[in-house]
Amino acid sequence: MSTAVRDNPAGNRYEIHEGERLAGFSDYRLSGDRGIAFTHTETLPEFRGRGLAGRLVAGQLDDARRRGLAVLPFCPYVRKYIAEHADAYLGLVPAQDRARFGLPRPETA
């Protein structure tokens, strides 16, 4: 079955759908047109353990990059995902904010 990550601006969240069924979501707050703060990520119980949360986060981070948005990963899962995929996503977090999220500092990144 196919999965798709979609931005739901009315709900202030990205969603991942498996077919037409909602499988998970990630809440966010926009800061003007410059940044996005991810606050909570959740996979619905019947969809857990299938890697959908990782696909959701990758999709939303790719979209943030496409839109030129700085990322503030308040959500622990998003923060962990960025740390584990630093080569691809660490650059989305402003250098001056990395330490507050426990991410590598600019001089060590």
Protein backbone atom coordinates (compact mmCIF):
# COMPACT_ATOMS: atom_id res chain seq x y z
CA MET A 1 0.00 0.00 0.00
CA SER A 2 1.29 3.48 -0.80
CA THR A 3 2.10 6.12 1.77
CA ALA A 4 2.05 9.88 1.32
CA VAL A 5 3.18 12.77 3.51
CA ARG A 6 0.97 15.84 3.24
CA ASP A 7 1.03 19.24 4.84
CA ASN A 8 -2.28 20.10 6.51
CA PRO A 9 -1.89 23.87 7.06
CA ALA A 10 -5.40 24.20 8.55
CA GLY A 11 -4.43 21.72 11.25
CA ASN A 12 -0.84 23.00 11.65
CA ARG A 13 0.51 19.53 11.07
CA TYR A 14 2.06 17.20 8.56
CA GLU A 15 0.24 13.93 8.13
CA ILE A 16 1.23 10.56 6.76
CA HIS A 17 -1.46 8.53 5.08
CA GLU A 18 -1.39 4.89 4.14
CA GLY A 19 -3.77 4.73 1.24
CA GLU A 20 -6.57 7.01 2.41
CA ARG A 21 -6.11 6.24 6.12
CA LEU A 22 -4.38 8.67 8.47
CA ALA A 23 -1.42 6.80 9.98
CA GLY A 24 0.34 9.58 11.91
CA PHE A 25 0.99 13.28 12.23
CA SER A 26 3.52 15.87 13.34
CA ASP A 27 2.33 19.17 14.82
CA TYR A 28 4.11 22.40 14.01
CA ARG A 29 4.08 26.16 14.55
CA LEU A 30 5.19 28.52 11.82
CA SER A 31 7.26 31.57 12.66
CA GLY A 32 6.40 33.98 9.90
CA ASP A 33 7.85 32.79 6.62
CA ARG A 34 11.28 31.99 8.06
CA GLY A 35 10.94 29.06 10.43
CA ILE A 36 8.98 26.03 11.54
CA ALA A 37 8.93 24.54 15.04
CA PHE A 38 8.02 20.86 15.26
CA THR A 39 6.36 20.18 18.61
CA HIS A 40 4.91 16.66 18.59
CA THR A 41 5.00 13.57 16.38
CA GLU A 42 2.71 10.60 16.74
CA THR A 43 1.98 7.40 14.85
CA LEU A 44 -1.47 5.95 15.42
CA PRO A 45 -1.27 2.64 17.38
CA GLU A 46 -2.29 0.34 14.54
CA PHE A 47 0.50 1.74 12.32
CA ARG A 48 3.39 1.66 14.80
CA GLY A 49 6.54 -0.36 14.20
CA ARG A 50 6.47 0.05 10.42
CA GLY A 51 8.86 2.99 9.95
CA LEU A 52 6.11 5.46 9.14
CA ALA A 53 7.24 8.05 11.71
CA GLY A 54 10.65 8.21 10.05
CA ARG A 55 9.08 8.63 6.62
CA LEU A 56 6.82 11.36 8.00
CA VAL A 57 9.72 13.28 9.54
CA ALA A 58 11.89 12.93 6.43
CA GLY A 59 9.02 14.21 4.30
CA GLN A 60 8.36 17.22 6.49
CA LEU A 61 12.06 18.09 6.75
CA ASP A 62 12.43 17.82 2.98
CA ASP A 63 9.44 20.14 2.60
CA ALA A 64 10.93 22.62 5.11
CA ARG A 65 14.14 22.64 3.05
CA ARG A 66 12.19 23.16 -0.18
CA ARG A 67 10.35 26.10 1.42
CA GLY A 68 13.56 27.61 2.83
CA LEU A 69 12.40 27.27 6.45
CA ALA A 70 14.69 27.00 9.46
CA VAL A 71 13.75 24.06 11.69
CA LEU A 72 13.38 24.13 15.48
CA PRO A 73 13.02 20.50 16.64
CA PHE A 74 11.19 20.77 19.97
CA CYS A 75 9.71 17.31 19.36
CA PRO A 76 12.13 14.68 20.76
CA TYR A 77 11.50 12.33 17.83
CA VAL A 78 12.26 15.00 15.23
CA ARG A 79 15.37 16.01 17.20
CA LYS A 80 16.56 12.38 17.32
CA TYR A 81 15.86 11.90 13.62
CA ILE A 82 17.91 14.99 12.74
CA ALA A 83 20.79 13.80 14.94
CA GLU A 84 20.73 10.35 13.30
CA HIS A 85 20.59 11.87 9.81
CA ALA A 86 22.82 14.89 10.45
CA ASP A 87 24.43 14.81 7.02
CA ALA A 88 21.05 15.38 5.41
CA TYR A 89 19.18 17.52 7.95
CA LEU A 90 21.40 19.21 10.56
CA GLY A 91 21.85 22.21 8.29
CA LEU A 92 18.13 22.99 8.60
CA VAL A 93 18.58 23.84 12.30
CA PRO A 94 20.16 27.29 12.71
CA ALA A 95 23.71 26.95 14.02
CA GLN A 96 23.00 29.24 16.97
CA ASP A 97 20.09 27.00 18.08
CA ARG A 98 21.74 23.58 17.83
CA ALA A 99 23.17 23.48 21.35
CA ARG A 100 19.78 24.14 22.94
CA PHE A 101 18.49 20.99 21.20
CA GLY A 102 21.55 18.91 22.05
CA LEU A 103 22.67 18.85 18.42
CA PRO A 104 26.29 19.28 17.29
CA ARG A 105 27.60 22.79 17.56
CA PRO A 106 28.70 24.55 14.38
CA GLU A 107 32.39 23.97 15.07
CA THR A 108 31.86 20.21 15.47
CA ALA A 109 29.22 19.70 12.77
